[in-house]
Amino acid sequence: MSTGIQTSSTRLPSCSVACMNHPLPDGNKRAAWLSMRMFVAINGWSWVKTPDVDDAERIVMAVASGEANEGEVADWLRTFLASPAETEAS
């Protein structure tokens, strides 16, 4: 089991896919944010601190415009999350 946020196609694709490919007629960025939150929860990660609305909007908009890639999103997430291993050790 990995203890790091991975950026491969099987790990953290949902935010950038929904933001950039526009699979829905409306609400793609909201769906991307929600799918990323669900991905975090399903994989056992915990929010150490919650990003404020402006910070969350900034990262989602950066992904949607192509200014941020999956690696940058993973780096951003690392500032807010604790891995399952870190959570168990606490």
N, C-alpha and C. Protein backbone atom coordinates (compact mmCIF):
# COMPACT_ATOMS: atom_id res chain seq x y z
N MET A 1 0.84 -1.18 0.00
CA MET A 1 0.00 0.00 0.00
C MET A 1 0.88 1.24 0.00
N SER A 2 0.58 2.19 -0.83
CA SER A 2 1.34 3.42 -0.92
C SER A 2 0.95 4.38 0.18
N THR A 3 1.91 5.11 0.69
CA THR A 3 1.61 6.12 1.70
C THR A 3 1.71 7.53 1.13
N GLY A 4 1.87 7.64 -0.18
CA GLY A 4 1.95 8.96 -0.81
C GLY A 4 0.82 9.16 -1.78
N ILE A 5 0.50 10.41 -2.03
CA ILE A 5 -0.52 10.72 -3.03
C ILE A 5 0.11 10.50 -4.39
N GLN A 6 -0.45 9.58 -5.14
CA GLN A 6 0.09 9.23 -6.45
C GLN A 6 -0.63 10.02 -7.54
N THR A 7 0.04 10.23 -8.66
CA THR A 7 -0.56 10.97 -9.75
C THR A 7 -0.75 10.13 -11.01
N SER A 8 -0.58 8.82 -10.90
CA SER A 8 -0.78 7.98 -12.07
C SER A 8 -2.25 7.94 -12.44
N SER A 9 -2.55 7.38 -13.56
CA SER A 9 -3.93 7.37 -14.06
C SER A 9 -4.87 6.60 -13.15
N THR A 10 -4.34 5.79 -12.24
CA THR A 10 -5.22 5.03 -11.34
C THR A 10 -5.32 5.68 -9.97
N ARG A 11 -4.66 6.78 -9.74
CA ARG A 11 -4.63 7.35 -8.40
C ARG A 11 -5.41 8.66 -8.27
N LEU A 12 -5.00 9.71 -8.95
CA LEU A 12 -5.62 11.01 -8.75
C LEU A 12 -6.04 11.64 -10.07
N PRO A 13 -6.82 10.94 -10.88
CA PRO A 13 -7.19 11.51 -12.16
C PRO A 13 -8.48 12.31 -12.14
N SER A 14 -9.33 12.07 -11.19
CA SER A 14 -10.70 12.57 -11.27
C SER A 14 -10.82 14.07 -11.34
N CYS A 15 -10.01 14.80 -10.58
CA CYS A 15 -10.13 16.25 -10.57
C CYS A 15 -9.77 16.83 -11.93
N SER A 16 -8.64 16.44 -12.48
CA SER A 16 -8.23 17.02 -13.76
C SER A 16 -9.09 16.52 -14.91
N VAL A 17 -9.53 15.28 -14.87
CA VAL A 17 -10.38 14.76 -15.95
C VAL A 17 -11.69 15.52 -16.02
N ALA A 18 -12.35 15.67 -14.88
CA ALA A 18 -13.64 16.36 -14.88
C ALA A 18 -13.49 17.84 -15.21
N CYS A 19 -12.41 18.45 -14.75
CA CYS A 19 -12.21 19.88 -15.03
C CYS A 19 -11.88 20.15 -16.48
N MET A 20 -11.03 19.33 -17.06
CA MET A 20 -10.52 19.64 -18.38
C MET A 20 -11.32 19.02 -19.52
N ASN A 21 -11.97 17.89 -19.29
CA ASN A 21 -12.68 17.22 -20.38
C ASN A 21 -14.14 17.61 -20.49
N HIS A 22 -14.67 18.30 -19.50
CA HIS A 22 -16.06 18.78 -19.51
C HIS A 22 -17.07 17.70 -19.87
N PRO A 23 -17.12 16.61 -19.08
CA PRO A 23 -18.06 15.54 -19.40
C PRO A 23 -19.52 15.92 -19.16
N LEU A 24 -19.76 16.94 -18.36
CA LEU A 24 -21.13 17.35 -18.04
C LEU A 24 -21.45 18.67 -18.72
N PRO A 25 -22.73 18.94 -19.01
CA PRO A 25 -23.08 20.22 -19.62
C PRO A 25 -22.84 21.40 -18.68
N ASP A 26 -22.89 21.16 -17.36
CA ASP A 26 -22.66 22.21 -16.38
C ASP A 26 -22.18 21.57 -15.09
N GLY A 27 -21.40 22.29 -14.29
CA GLY A 27 -20.98 21.80 -12.99
C GLY A 27 -19.73 20.95 -12.99
N ASN A 28 -18.91 21.02 -14.02
CA ASN A 28 -17.72 20.18 -14.10
C ASN A 28 -16.73 20.45 -12.98
N LYS A 29 -16.51 21.71 -12.66
CA LYS A 29 -15.55 22.03 -11.60
C LYS A 29 -16.08 21.59 -10.24
N ARG A 30 -17.36 21.78 -10.01
CA ARG A 30 -17.95 21.31 -8.74
C ARG A 30 -17.87 19.79 -8.65
N ALA A 31 -18.16 19.10 -9.74
CA ALA A 31 -18.06 17.64 -9.77
C ALA A 31 -16.61 17.19 -9.56
N ALA A 32 -15.66 17.93 -10.13
CA ALA A 32 -14.25 17.59 -9.95
C ALA A 32 -13.84 17.72 -8.49
N TRP A 33 -14.27 18.80 -7.84
CA TRP A 33 -13.94 19.00 -6.42
C TRP A 33 -14.55 17.88 -5.57
N LEU A 34 -15.80 17.57 -5.83
CA LEU A 34 -16.48 16.53 -5.07
C LEU A 34 -15.82 15.17 -5.30
N SER A 35 -15.46 14.86 -6.54
CA SER A 35 -14.83 13.57 -6.81
C SER A 35 -13.47 13.47 -6.13
N MET A 36 -12.74 14.58 -6.06
CA MET A 36 -11.46 14.57 -5.37
C MET A 36 -11.67 14.35 -3.87
N ARG A 37 -12.67 14.99 -3.29
CA ARG A 37 -12.97 14.80 -1.86
C ARG A 37 -13.36 13.34 -1.59
N MET A 38 -14.16 12.77 -2.49
CA MET A 38 -14.56 11.37 -2.33
C MET A 38 -13.36 10.44 -2.47
N PHE A 39 -12.48 10.72 -3.42
CA PHE A 39 -11.27 9.93 -3.61
C PHE A 39 -10.44 9.91 -2.33
N VAL A 40 -10.29 11.07 -1.71
CA VAL A 40 -9.53 11.19 -0.47
C VAL A 40 -10.17 10.33 0.62
N ALA A 41 -11.47 10.45 0.78
CA ALA A 41 -12.19 9.71 1.83
C ALA A 41 -12.14 8.20 1.60
N ILE A 42 -12.40 7.78 0.37
CA ILE A 42 -12.43 6.34 0.06
C ILE A 42 -11.07 5.69 0.29
N ASN A 43 -10.01 6.44 0.05
CA ASN A 43 -8.67 5.88 0.19
C ASN A 43 -8.08 6.06 1.59
N GLY A 44 -8.91 6.48 2.55
CA GLY A 44 -8.49 6.50 3.95
C GLY A 44 -7.66 7.68 4.38
N TRP A 45 -7.55 8.70 3.56
CA TRP A 45 -6.79 9.88 3.94
C TRP A 45 -7.65 10.76 4.85
N SER A 46 -7.00 11.56 5.68
CA SER A 46 -7.72 12.44 6.60
C SER A 46 -7.31 13.89 6.35
N TRP A 47 -8.25 14.77 6.50
CA TRP A 47 -7.97 16.20 6.35
C TRP A 47 -7.39 16.69 7.67
N VAL A 48 -6.12 17.12 7.66
CA VAL A 48 -5.48 17.69 8.83
C VAL A 48 -6.02 19.10 9.04
N LYS A 49 -6.15 19.81 7.96
CA LYS A 49 -6.80 21.11 7.95
C LYS A 49 -7.58 21.21 6.65
N THR A 50 -8.66 21.94 6.69
CA THR A 50 -9.52 22.06 5.52
C THR A 50 -9.15 23.33 4.75
N PRO A 51 -8.97 23.22 3.43
CA PRO A 51 -8.67 24.44 2.67
C PRO A 51 -9.88 25.38 2.70
N ASP A 52 -9.59 26.67 2.74
CA ASP A 52 -10.72 27.60 2.70
C ASP A 52 -11.29 27.62 1.29
N VAL A 53 -12.46 28.16 1.17
CA VAL A 53 -13.18 28.14 -0.11
C VAL A 53 -12.37 28.80 -1.21
N ASP A 54 -11.73 29.91 -0.91
CA ASP A 54 -10.95 30.63 -1.94
C ASP A 54 -9.75 29.80 -2.41
N ASP A 55 -9.09 29.12 -1.48
CA ASP A 55 -7.94 28.29 -1.84
C ASP A 55 -8.38 27.10 -2.68
N ALA A 56 -9.49 26.47 -2.30
CA ALA A 56 -10.02 25.34 -3.07
C ALA A 56 -10.44 25.79 -4.46
N GLU A 57 -11.10 26.92 -4.54
CA GLU A 57 -11.52 27.43 -5.85
C GLU A 57 -10.30 27.74 -6.72
N ARG A 58 -9.27 28.30 -6.11
CA ARG A 58 -8.06 28.64 -6.86
C ARG A 58 -7.44 27.41 -7.50
N ILE A 59 -7.33 26.28 -6.75
CA ILE A 59 -6.69 25.09 -7.32
C ILE A 59 -7.57 24.46 -8.39
N VAL A 60 -8.87 24.42 -8.19
CA VAL A 60 -9.77 23.84 -9.20
C VAL A 60 -9.75 24.68 -10.47
N MET A 61 -9.76 25.99 -10.33
CA MET A 61 -9.71 26.87 -11.51
C MET A 61 -8.36 26.74 -12.23
N ALA A 62 -7.29 26.55 -11.47
CA ALA A 62 -5.97 26.36 -12.09
C ALA A 62 -5.92 25.08 -12.90
N VAL A 63 -6.53 24.02 -12.38
CA VAL A 63 -6.60 22.76 -13.13
C VAL A 63 -7.45 22.94 -14.38
N ALA A 64 -8.60 23.57 -14.23
CA ALA A 64 -9.51 23.75 -15.37
C ALA A 64 -8.88 24.57 -16.49
N SER A 65 -8.05 25.54 -16.13
CA SER A 65 -7.43 26.40 -17.14
C SER A 65 -6.12 25.81 -17.68
N GLY A 66 -5.67 24.71 -17.11
CA GLY A 66 -4.42 24.09 -17.55
C GLY A 66 -3.20 24.67 -16.87
N GLU A 67 -3.38 25.56 -15.90
CA GLU A 67 -2.25 26.16 -15.20
C GLU A 67 -1.65 25.22 -14.15
N ALA A 68 -2.42 24.25 -13.68
CA ALA A 68 -1.92 23.27 -12.69
C ALA A 68 -2.13 21.87 -13.24
N ASN A 69 -1.15 21.02 -13.03
CA ASN A 69 -1.27 19.63 -13.48
C ASN A 69 -1.52 18.73 -12.27
N GLU A 70 -1.63 17.44 -12.49
CA GLU A 70 -1.92 16.50 -11.40
C GLU A 70 -0.85 16.51 -10.32
N GLY A 71 0.40 16.67 -10.71
CA GLY A 71 1.48 16.73 -9.74
C GLY A 71 1.34 17.93 -8.81
N GLU A 72 0.96 19.06 -9.38
CA GLU A 72 0.76 20.26 -8.57
C GLU A 72 -0.44 20.11 -7.64
N VAL A 73 -1.49 19.45 -8.11
CA VAL A 73 -2.65 19.18 -7.25
C VAL A 73 -2.24 18.25 -6.12
N ALA A 74 -1.46 17.23 -6.42
CA ALA A 74 -0.99 16.30 -5.38
C ALA A 74 -0.14 17.04 -4.35
N ASP A 75 0.74 17.92 -4.81
CA ASP A 75 1.56 18.71 -3.88
C ASP A 75 0.67 19.59 -3.00
N TRP A 76 -0.33 20.21 -3.59
CA TRP A 76 -1.26 21.06 -2.85
C TRP A 76 -2.01 20.23 -1.81
N LEU A 77 -2.48 19.05 -2.22
CA LEU A 77 -3.21 18.19 -1.29
C LEU A 77 -2.36 17.76 -0.12
N ARG A 78 -1.07 17.51 -0.35
CA ARG A 78 -0.19 17.06 0.73
C ARG A 78 -0.13 18.06 1.89
N THR A 79 -0.39 19.33 1.61
CA THR A 79 -0.36 20.33 2.67
C THR A 79 -1.59 20.25 3.56
N PHE A 80 -2.62 19.52 3.14
CA PHE A 80 -3.87 19.44 3.88
C PHE A 80 -4.19 18.05 4.42
N LEU A 81 -3.50 17.03 3.94
CA LEU A 81 -3.89 15.65 4.23
C LEU A 81 -2.88 14.88 5.06
N ALA A 82 -3.39 13.88 5.78
CA ALA A 82 -2.54 12.90 6.46
C ALA A 82 -2.86 11.55 5.83
N SER A 83 -1.83 10.77 5.54
CA SER A 83 -2.01 9.46 4.95
C SER A 83 -2.64 8.51 5.96
N PRO A 84 -3.18 7.39 5.48
CA PRO A 84 -3.72 6.39 6.41
C PRO A 84 -2.66 5.94 7.43
N ALA A 85 -1.41 5.78 7.00
CA ALA A 85 -0.35 5.37 7.91
C ALA A 85 -0.09 6.43 8.97
N GLU A 86 -0.12 7.69 8.58
CA GLU A 86 0.07 8.77 9.55
C GLU A 86 -1.09 8.84 10.53
N THR A 87 -2.30 8.59 10.04
CA THR A 87 -3.48 8.62 10.88
C THR A 87 -3.44 7.50 11.91
N GLU A 88 -3.01 6.29 11.48
CA GLU A 88 -2.92 5.14 12.39
C GLU A 88 -1.86 5.36 13.46
N ALA A 89 -0.77 6.05 13.11
CA ALA A 89 0.32 6.28 14.05
C ALA A 89 -0.06 7.29 15.14
N SER A 90 -1.07 8.09 14.89
CA SER A 90 -1.46 9.13 15.86
C SER A 90 -2.19 8.57 17.05
